[in-house]
Amino acid sequence: MRTHALHKAFGATRVLRGLDLEVARGESLVVIGGSGSGKSVLLKCILGLEIPDAGEVWLDGQPTGGRPRPAFLERFGMLFQGAALFDSLSVWQNVAFRLLRDRRPPAQARARAIEKLARVGLAPEVADLFPAQLSGGMAKRVGLARAIATDPAVIFFDEPTTGLDPIMAGVINGLIRDIVAETGATALTITHDMASVRAIADRVAMLHAGTIRWTGRAAGLDDAEDPMVQQFIHGRPEGPFTQP
């Protein structure tokens, strides 16, 4: 999957400015950057939720612009920042939402949901609870189970540990790492949580001022020569980094 020369503006505010990014099949890429740097807009452009002003998104060597949206979106799973569960649906119905929409028999959909809940460490009885009955960590795990319910080729993780305590954040990071390794899915994560970066990334890209400023292997992040990267990853208040 890759983007080529993506541009996106909202009025006079230019968010993406010719962004080029490539994620190899089966790779876990984490995009870091400050608030307002364009991380979420990048995800929305890839998914077609925002239409780029210029540039293209490619998947499997083909531009995605002309593809029917349902067929294109079937390739993807997503863990949303706030889990984004449907309050009126039970846990298993949330996990199996896409399966039910595609008219999978309810018994089969429920069985698949319970299977995926088990994969994220939740017992079968959780399936009949409602989102209001879940802790923050449980809700995040339900969101992860939904993201993998259809065994997608590409999974997006939008700030996966936001709002979690350090222990539960570590649990979620471990689940993401293991699931990506087991399934061979391509993973694209956006976050500013450096613990998540170090736990789940094969490669890291830093987005700043609408372009990719730096990219490299996660193992070499601490050795990056870019002073802005060093300031960001170590949270130093002084340095060249400025919020857009």
C-alpha atoms as a PDB file:
ATOM      1  CA  MET A   1       0.000   0.000   0.000  1.00  0.00           C
ATOM      2  CA  ARG A   2       1.311   3.449  -0.793  1.00  0.00           C
ATOM      3  CA  THR A   3       0.317   7.062  -1.225  1.00  0.00           C
ATOM      4  CA  HIS A   4       1.732   9.281  -3.929  1.00  0.00           C
ATOM      5  CA  ALA A   5       1.877  13.090  -3.731  1.00  0.00           C
ATOM      6  CA  LEU A   6      -1.205  13.420  -1.507  1.00  0.00           C
ATOM      7  CA  HIS A   7      -2.475  16.946  -1.004  1.00  0.00           C
ATOM      8  CA  LYS A   8      -5.389  17.905   1.218  1.00  0.00           C
ATOM      9  CA  ALA A   9      -6.482  21.324   2.392  1.00  0.00           C
ATOM     10  CA  PHE A  10      -9.429  22.604   4.391  1.00  0.00           C
ATOM     11  CA  GLY A  11     -10.007  26.131   3.265  1.00  0.00           C
ATOM     12  CA  ALA A  12      -6.726  28.004   3.597  1.00  0.00           C
ATOM     13  CA  THR A  13      -5.240  25.325   5.872  1.00  0.00           C
ATOM     14  CA  ARG A  14      -2.985  22.952   3.955  1.00  0.00           C
ATOM     15  CA  VAL A  15      -2.795  19.697   5.914  1.00  0.00           C
ATOM     16  CA  LEU A  16      -1.113  17.260   3.510  1.00  0.00           C
ATOM     17  CA  ARG A  17       1.483  18.707   1.156  1.00  0.00           C
ATOM     18  CA  GLY A  18       2.561  16.110  -1.373  1.00  0.00           C
ATOM     19  CA  LEU A  19       2.804  13.212   1.054  1.00  0.00           C
ATOM     20  CA  ASP A  20       4.519  10.027  -0.145  1.00  0.00           C
ATOM     21  CA  LEU A  21       4.340   6.925   2.046  1.00  0.00           C
ATOM     22  CA  GLU A  22       4.748   3.209   1.410  1.00  0.00           C
ATOM     23  CA  VAL A  23       3.878   0.225   3.596  1.00  0.00           C
ATOM     24  CA  ALA A  24       5.133  -3.187   2.507  1.00  0.00           C
ATOM     25  CA  ARG A  25       2.809  -6.175   2.644  1.00  0.00           C
ATOM     26  CA  GLY A  26       2.928  -7.708   6.114  1.00  0.00           C
ATOM     27  CA  GLU A  27       4.782  -4.724   7.563  1.00  0.00           C
ATOM     28  CA  SER A  28       3.811  -2.789  10.694  1.00  0.00           C
ATOM     29  CA  LEU A  29       4.378   0.915  10.040  1.00  0.00           C
ATOM     30  CA  VAL A  30       3.770   3.503  12.752  1.00  0.00           C
ATOM     31  CA  VAL A  31       3.284   7.163  11.821  1.00  0.00           C
ATOM     32  CA  ILE A  32       4.223   9.618  14.549  1.00  0.00           C
ATOM     33  CA  GLY A  33       3.783  13.362  14.682  1.00  0.00           C
ATOM     34  CA  GLY A  34       2.382  16.162  16.762  1.00  0.00           C
ATOM     35  CA  SER A  35      -1.254  17.134  17.087  1.00  0.00           C
ATOM     36  CA  GLY A  36      -2.470  18.724  13.873  1.00  0.00           C
ATOM     37  CA  SER A  37       0.314  17.253  11.767  1.00  0.00           C
ATOM     38  CA  GLY A  38      -2.156  15.421   9.500  1.00  0.00           C
ATOM     39  CA  LYS A  39      -2.051  11.845  10.822  1.00  0.00           C
ATOM     40  CA  SER A  40      -5.811  11.366  11.014  1.00  0.00           C
ATOM     41  CA  VAL A  41      -6.373  13.126   7.694  1.00  0.00           C
ATOM     42  CA  LEU A  42      -3.902  10.712   6.104  1.00  0.00           C
ATOM     43  CA  LEU A  43      -5.941   7.739   7.357  1.00  0.00           C
ATOM     44  CA  LYS A  44      -9.181   9.285   6.137  1.00  0.00           C
ATOM     45  CA  CYS A  45      -7.717   9.887   2.682  1.00  0.00           C
ATOM     46  CA  ILE A  46      -6.536   6.278   2.428  1.00  0.00           C
ATOM     47  CA  LEU A  47      -9.980   5.013   3.442  1.00  0.00           C
ATOM     48  CA  GLY A  48     -11.783   7.408   1.125  1.00  0.00           C
ATOM     49  CA  LEU A  49     -13.504   9.242   3.976  1.00  0.00           C
ATOM     50  CA  GLU A  50     -11.792  12.378   2.698  1.00  0.00           C
ATOM     51  CA  ILE A  51     -11.079  12.930  -0.984  1.00  0.00           C
ATOM     52  CA  PRO A  52      -7.514  14.187  -1.622  1.00  0.00           C
ATOM     53  CA  ASP A  53      -7.202  17.416  -3.552  1.00  0.00           C
ATOM     54  CA  ALA A  54      -4.406  15.774  -5.537  1.00  0.00           C
ATOM     55  CA  GLY A  55      -2.410  12.567  -5.476  1.00  0.00           C
ATOM     56  CA  GLU A  56      -3.309   8.884  -5.328  1.00  0.00           C
ATOM     57  CA  VAL A  57      -3.635   5.922  -2.984  1.00  0.00           C
ATOM     58  CA  TRP A  58      -2.420   2.564  -4.321  1.00  0.00           C
ATOM     59  CA  LEU A  59      -3.196  -0.945  -3.067  1.00  0.00           C
ATOM     60  CA  ASP A  60      -1.699  -4.098  -4.579  1.00  0.00           C
ATOM     61  CA  GLY A  61      -0.159  -2.093  -7.371  1.00  0.00           C
ATOM     62  CA  GLN A  62      -3.419  -0.456  -8.464  1.00  0.00           C
ATOM     63  CA  PRO A  63      -4.833   3.013  -7.757  1.00  0.00           C
ATOM     64  CA  THR A  64      -7.897   2.809  -5.530  1.00  0.00           C
ATOM     65  CA  GLY A  65      -9.744   5.826  -6.882  1.00  0.00           C
ATOM     66  CA  GLY A  66     -11.887   3.890  -9.347  1.00  0.00           C
ATOM     67  CA  ARG A  67     -12.729   0.918  -7.131  1.00  0.00           C
ATOM     68  CA  PRO A  68     -16.255   0.348  -5.813  1.00  0.00           C
ATOM     69  CA  ARG A  69     -16.089   1.472  -2.205  1.00  0.00           C
ATOM     70  CA  PRO A  70     -17.634  -1.641  -0.556  1.00  0.00           C
ATOM     71  CA  ALA A  71     -15.221  -3.995  -2.322  1.00  0.00           C
ATOM     72  CA  PHE A  72     -12.291  -1.751  -1.439  1.00  0.00           C
ATOM     73  CA  LEU A  73     -13.246  -1.344   2.224  1.00  0.00           C
ATOM     74  CA  GLU A  74     -13.670  -5.095   2.679  1.00  0.00           C
ATOM     75  CA  ARG A  75      -9.885  -5.336   2.604  1.00  0.00           C
ATOM     76  CA  PHE A  76      -9.544  -3.185   5.732  1.00  0.00           C
ATOM     77  CA  GLY A  77     -10.100  -3.431   9.467  1.00  0.00           C
ATOM     78  CA  MET A  78      -9.792  -0.543  11.904  1.00  0.00           C
ATOM     79  CA  LEU A  79      -9.392  -0.003  15.622  1.00  0.00           C
ATOM     80  CA  PHE A  80     -10.756   3.456  16.345  1.00  0.00           C
ATOM     81  CA  GLN A  81      -9.262   5.782  18.937  1.00  0.00           C
ATOM     82  CA  GLY A  82     -12.250   5.607  21.282  1.00  0.00           C
ATOM     83  CA  ALA A  83     -13.256   2.038  20.317  1.00  0.00           C
ATOM     84  CA  ALA A  84     -16.375   3.563  18.661  1.00  0.00           C
ATOM     85  CA  LEU A  85     -18.718   0.772  19.706  1.00  0.00           C
ATOM     86  CA  PHE A  86     -22.437   0.966  18.961  1.00  0.00           C
ATOM     87  CA  ASP A  87     -24.152   1.478  22.323  1.00  0.00           C
ATOM     88  CA  SER A  88     -27.420  -0.163  21.231  1.00  0.00           C
ATOM     89  CA  LEU A  89     -25.732  -3.384  20.067  1.00  0.00           C
ATOM     90  CA  SER A  90     -24.383  -6.174  22.236  1.00  0.00           C
ATOM     91  CA  VAL A  91     -20.660  -6.907  22.248  1.00  0.00           C
ATOM     92  CA  TRP A  92     -20.964  -9.820  19.830  1.00  0.00           C
ATOM     93  CA  GLN A  93     -23.115  -7.770  17.470  1.00  0.00           C
ATOM     94  CA  ASN A  94     -20.476  -5.029  17.529  1.00  0.00           C
ATOM     95  CA  VAL A  95     -17.704  -7.509  16.732  1.00  0.00           C
ATOM     96  CA  ALA A  96     -19.746  -9.193  13.991  1.00  0.00           C
ATOM     97  CA  PHE A  97     -21.179  -5.947  12.594  1.00  0.00           C
ATOM     98  CA  ARG A  98     -19.683  -6.350   9.131  1.00  0.00           C
ATOM     99  CA  LEU A  99     -20.577 -10.045   8.992  1.00  0.00           C
ATOM    100  CA  LEU A 100     -24.202  -9.299   9.862  1.00  0.00           C
ATOM    101  CA  ARG A 101     -24.311  -6.486   7.336  1.00  0.00           C
ATOM    102  CA  ASP A 102     -23.142  -8.975   4.714  1.00  0.00           C
ATOM    103  CA  ARG A 103     -26.038 -11.259   5.699  1.00  0.00           C
ATOM    104  CA  ARG A 104     -23.955 -13.912   7.439  1.00  0.00           C
ATOM    105  CA  PRO A 105     -26.340 -16.186   9.439  1.00  0.00           C
ATOM    106  CA  PRO A 106     -26.518 -14.832  12.998  1.00  0.00           C
ATOM    107  CA  ALA A 107     -25.362 -18.098  14.562  1.00  0.00           C
ATOM    108  CA  GLN A 108     -22.227 -18.119  12.387  1.00  0.00           C
ATOM    109  CA  ALA A 109     -21.590 -14.436  13.035  1.00  0.00           C
ATOM    110  CA  ARG A 110     -21.915 -14.933  16.789  1.00  0.00           C
ATOM    111  CA  ALA A 111     -19.531 -17.899  16.718  1.00  0.00           C
ATOM    112  CA  ARG A 112     -16.950 -15.847  14.801  1.00  0.00           C
ATOM    113  CA  ALA A 113     -17.375 -12.973  17.274  1.00  0.00           C
ATOM    114  CA  ILE A 114     -16.777 -15.254  20.266  1.00  0.00           C
ATOM    115  CA  GLU A 115     -13.698 -16.680  18.515  1.00  0.00           C
ATOM    116  CA  LYS A 116     -12.241 -13.195  18.006  1.00  0.00           C
ATOM    117  CA  LEU A 117     -13.139 -12.118  21.541  1.00  0.00           C
ATOM    118  CA  ALA A 118     -11.191 -15.098  22.829  1.00  0.00           C
ATOM    119  CA  ARG A 119      -8.231 -14.010  20.714  1.00  0.00           C
ATOM    120  CA  VAL A 120      -8.125 -10.683  22.556  1.00  0.00           C
ATOM    121  CA  GLY A 121      -8.504 -12.324  25.949  1.00  0.00           C
ATOM    122  CA  LEU A 122     -12.235 -11.908  26.605  1.00  0.00           C
ATOM    123  CA  ALA A 123     -14.456 -14.725  27.888  1.00  0.00           C
ATOM    124  CA  PRO A 124     -17.541 -15.945  25.952  1.00  0.00           C
ATOM    125  CA  GLU A 125     -19.943 -14.406  28.485  1.00  0.00           C
ATOM    126  CA  VAL A 126     -18.705 -10.946  27.486  1.00  0.00           C
ATOM    127  CA  ALA A 127     -20.447 -11.453  24.130  1.00  0.00           C
ATOM    128  CA  ASP A 128     -23.871 -10.647  25.595  1.00  0.00           C
ATOM    129  CA  LEU A 129     -22.831  -7.525  27.492  1.00  0.00           C
ATOM    130  CA  PHE A 130     -23.391  -4.016  26.163  1.00  0.00           C
ATOM    131  CA  PRO A 131     -20.698  -1.342  25.728  1.00  0.00           C
ATOM    132  CA  ALA A 132     -21.888   0.584  28.795  1.00  0.00           C
ATOM    133  CA  GLN A 133     -20.998  -2.445  30.907  1.00  0.00           C
ATOM    134  CA  LEU A 134     -17.374  -2.555  29.746  1.00  0.00           C
ATOM    135  CA  SER A 135     -14.275  -0.976  31.224  1.00  0.00           C
ATOM    136  CA  GLY A 136     -12.098   1.146  28.958  1.00  0.00           C
ATOM    137  CA  GLY A 137      -9.643  -1.689  28.440  1.00  0.00           C
ATOM    138  CA  MET A 138     -12.397  -4.184  27.648  1.00  0.00           C
ATOM    139  CA  ALA A 139     -13.981  -1.784  25.165  1.00  0.00           C
ATOM    140  CA  LYS A 140     -10.643  -1.360  23.417  1.00  0.00           C
ATOM    141  CA  ARG A 141     -10.234  -5.118  23.170  1.00  0.00           C
ATOM    142  CA  VAL A 142     -13.751  -5.465  21.757  1.00  0.00           C
ATOM    143  CA  GLY A 143     -12.825  -2.836  19.174  1.00  0.00           C
ATOM    144  CA  LEU A 144      -9.728  -4.859  18.309  1.00  0.00           C
ATOM    145  CA  ALA A 145     -11.802  -8.028  17.959  1.00  0.00           C
ATOM    146  CA  ARG A 146     -14.104  -6.179  15.544  1.00  0.00           C
ATOM    147  CA  ALA A 147     -11.112  -4.935  13.554  1.00  0.00           C
ATOM    148  CA  ILE A 148      -9.941  -8.512  12.933  1.00  0.00           C
ATOM    149  CA  ALA A 149     -13.366 -10.171  12.614  1.00  0.00           C
ATOM    150  CA  THR A 150     -13.137 -10.552   8.828  1.00  0.00           C
ATOM    151  CA  ASP A 151      -9.407 -11.371   8.735  1.00  0.00           C
ATOM    152  CA  PRO A 152      -8.576  -8.168   6.808  1.00  0.00           C
ATOM    153  CA  ALA A 153      -5.476  -7.743   4.677  1.00  0.00           C
ATOM    154  CA  VAL A 154      -4.798  -4.266   6.105  1.00  0.00           C
ATOM    155  CA  ILE A 155      -5.499  -3.059   9.655  1.00  0.00           C
ATOM    156  CA  PHE A 156      -5.456   0.560  10.801  1.00  0.00           C
ATOM    157  CA  PHE A 157      -4.866   1.487  14.439  1.00  0.00           C
ATOM    158  CA  ASP A 158      -5.835   5.052  15.387  1.00  0.00           C
ATOM    159  CA  GLU A 159      -4.133   6.010  18.677  1.00  0.00           C
ATOM    160  CA  PRO A 160      -4.727   2.484  20.054  1.00  0.00           C
ATOM    161  CA  THR A 161      -3.690   3.184  23.662  1.00  0.00           C
ATOM    162  CA  THR A 162      -5.351   6.573  24.229  1.00  0.00           C
ATOM    163  CA  GLY A 163      -7.121   6.723  27.595  1.00  0.00           C
ATOM    164  CA  LEU A 164      -5.626   3.481  28.922  1.00  0.00           C
ATOM    165  CA  ASP A 165      -3.458   3.006  31.996  1.00  0.00           C
ATOM    166  CA  PRO A 166       0.131   1.851  31.339  1.00  0.00           C
ATOM    167  CA  ILE A 167      -0.608  -1.798  32.133  1.00  0.00           C
ATOM    168  CA  MET A 168      -3.635  -2.042  29.832  1.00  0.00           C
ATOM    169  CA  ALA A 169      -1.766  -0.058  27.172  1.00  0.00           C
ATOM    170  CA  GLY A 170       0.941  -2.716  27.337  1.00  0.00           C
ATOM    171  CA  VAL A 171      -1.696  -5.440  26.940  1.00  0.00           C
ATOM    172  CA  ILE A 172      -3.153  -3.759  23.846  1.00  0.00           C
ATOM    173  CA  ASN A 173       0.298  -3.218  22.340  1.00  0.00           C
ATOM    174  CA  GLY A 174       1.105  -6.886  22.897  1.00  0.00           C
ATOM    175  CA  LEU A 175      -2.140  -8.010  21.273  1.00  0.00           C
ATOM    176  CA  ILE A 176      -1.556  -5.785  18.263  1.00  0.00           C
ATOM    177  CA  ARG A 177       1.991  -7.054  17.829  1.00  0.00           C
ATOM    178  CA  ASP A 178       0.976 -10.697  18.118  1.00  0.00           C
ATOM    179  CA  ILE A 179      -2.103 -10.434  15.880  1.00  0.00           C
ATOM    180  CA  VAL A 180      -0.188  -8.679  13.109  1.00  0.00           C
ATOM    181  CA  ALA A 181       2.544 -11.326  13.297  1.00  0.00           C
ATOM    182  CA  GLU A 182       0.048 -14.217  13.299  1.00  0.00           C
ATOM    183  CA  THR A 183      -2.160 -12.979  10.465  1.00  0.00           C
ATOM    184  CA  GLY A 184       0.481 -11.457   8.226  1.00  0.00           C
ATOM    185  CA  ALA A 185      -1.706  -8.373   7.863  1.00  0.00           C
ATOM    186  CA  THR A 186      -0.274  -5.041   6.819  1.00  0.00           C
ATOM    187  CA  ALA A 187      -0.609  -2.615   9.740  1.00  0.00           C
ATOM    188  CA  LEU A 188      -0.652   1.178   9.748  1.00  0.00           C
ATOM    189  CA  THR A 189      -0.786   2.852  13.162  1.00  0.00           C
ATOM    190  CA  ILE A 190      -0.916   6.527  14.032  1.00  0.00           C
ATOM    191  CA  THR A 191       0.139   7.484  17.548  1.00  0.00           C
ATOM    192  CA  HIS A 192       2.206   9.800  19.692  1.00  0.00           C
ATOM    193  CA  ASP A 193       2.698   7.112  22.371  1.00  0.00           C
ATOM    194  CA  MET A 194       6.349   6.142  22.107  1.00  0.00           C
ATOM    195  CA  ALA A 195       5.778   2.958  24.136  1.00  0.00           C
ATOM    196  CA  SER A 196       3.382   1.827  21.404  1.00  0.00           C
ATOM    197  CA  VAL A 197       5.881   2.764  18.713  1.00  0.00           C
ATOM    198  CA  ARG A 198       8.618   0.661  20.272  1.00  0.00           C
ATOM    199  CA  ALA A 199       6.266  -2.256  20.927  1.00  0.00           C
ATOM    200  CA  ILE A 200       4.563  -2.659  17.549  1.00  0.00           C
ATOM    201  CA  ALA A 201       6.554  -0.917  14.803  1.00  0.00           C
ATOM    202  CA  ASP A 202       8.752  -2.552  12.194  1.00  0.00           C
ATOM    203  CA  ARG A 203       9.293   0.862  10.665  1.00  0.00           C
ATOM    204  CA  VAL A 204       8.505   4.424  11.752  1.00  0.00           C
ATOM    205  CA  ALA A 205       7.623   7.518   9.738  1.00  0.00           C
ATOM    206  CA  MET A 206       7.469  11.026  11.185  1.00  0.00           C
ATOM    207  CA  LEU A 207       4.835  13.320   9.695  1.00  0.00           C
ATOM    208  CA  HIS A 208       5.420  17.041  10.066  1.00  0.00           C
ATOM    209  CA  ALA A 209       3.944  20.028   8.230  1.00  0.00           C
ATOM    210  CA  GLY A 210       2.094  17.758   5.821  1.00  0.00           C
ATOM    211  CA  THR A 211       5.027  15.691   4.583  1.00  0.00           C
ATOM    212  CA  ILE A 212       7.074  12.715   5.761  1.00  0.00           C
ATOM    213  CA  ARG A 213      10.111  14.267   7.416  1.00  0.00           C
ATOM    214  CA  TRP A 214      11.877  11.024   8.401  1.00  0.00           C
ATOM    215  CA  THR A 215      11.408   7.285   7.984  1.00  0.00           C
ATOM    216  CA  GLY A 216      13.474   4.343   9.168  1.00  0.00           C
ATOM    217  CA  ARG A 217      13.534   1.067  11.036  1.00  0.00           C
ATOM    218  CA  ALA A 218      12.088   1.166  14.549  1.00  0.00           C
ATOM    219  CA  ALA A 219      15.281  -0.383  15.889  1.00  0.00           C
ATOM    220  CA  GLY A 220      17.216   2.640  14.644  1.00  0.00           C
ATOM    221  CA  LEU A 221      14.869   5.302  15.974  1.00  0.00           C
ATOM    222  CA  ASP A 222      17.144   6.374  18.812  1.00  0.00           C
ATOM    223  CA  ASP A 223      20.023   6.786  16.366  1.00  0.00           C
ATOM    224  CA  ALA A 224      18.111   9.069  13.975  1.00  0.00           C
ATOM    225  CA  GLU A 225      20.205  12.130  13.198  1.00  0.00           C
ATOM    226  CA  ASP A 226      17.250  14.435  12.638  1.00  0.00           C
ATOM    227  CA  PRO A 227      17.085  16.744  15.708  1.00  0.00           C
ATOM    228  CA  MET A 228      13.326  17.123  15.337  1.00  0.00           C
ATOM    229  CA  VAL A 229      12.872  13.366  15.559  1.00  0.00           C
ATOM    230  CA  GLN A 230      15.058  13.231  18.651  1.00  0.00           C
ATOM    231  CA  GLN A 231      13.159  16.056  20.325  1.00  0.00           C
ATOM    232  CA  PHE A 232       9.822  14.396  19.604  1.00  0.00           C
ATOM    233  CA  ILE A 233      10.636  10.850  20.691  1.00  0.00           C
ATOM    234  CA  HIS A 234      12.221  12.021  23.944  1.00  0.00           C
ATOM    235  CA  GLY A 235       9.600  14.683  24.690  1.00  0.00           C
ATOM    236  CA  ARG A 236      12.092  17.501  25.074  1.00  0.00           C
ATOM    237  CA  PRO A 237      10.520  20.957  25.435  1.00  0.00           C
ATOM    238  CA  GLU A 238      13.442  22.699  23.741  1.00  0.00           C
ATOM    239  CA  GLY A 239      14.421  22.113  20.128  1.00  0.00           C
ATOM    240  CA  PRO A 240      13.415  22.742  16.512  1.00  0.00           C
ATOM    241  CA  PHE A 241      10.002  21.058  16.732  1.00  0.00           C
ATOM    242  CA  THR A 242       6.993  23.358  16.612  1.00  0.00           C
ATOM    243  CA  GLN A 243       3.348  22.401  16.557  1.00  0.00           C
ATOM    244  CA  PRO A 244       1.629  23.319  13.277  1.00  0.00           C
END
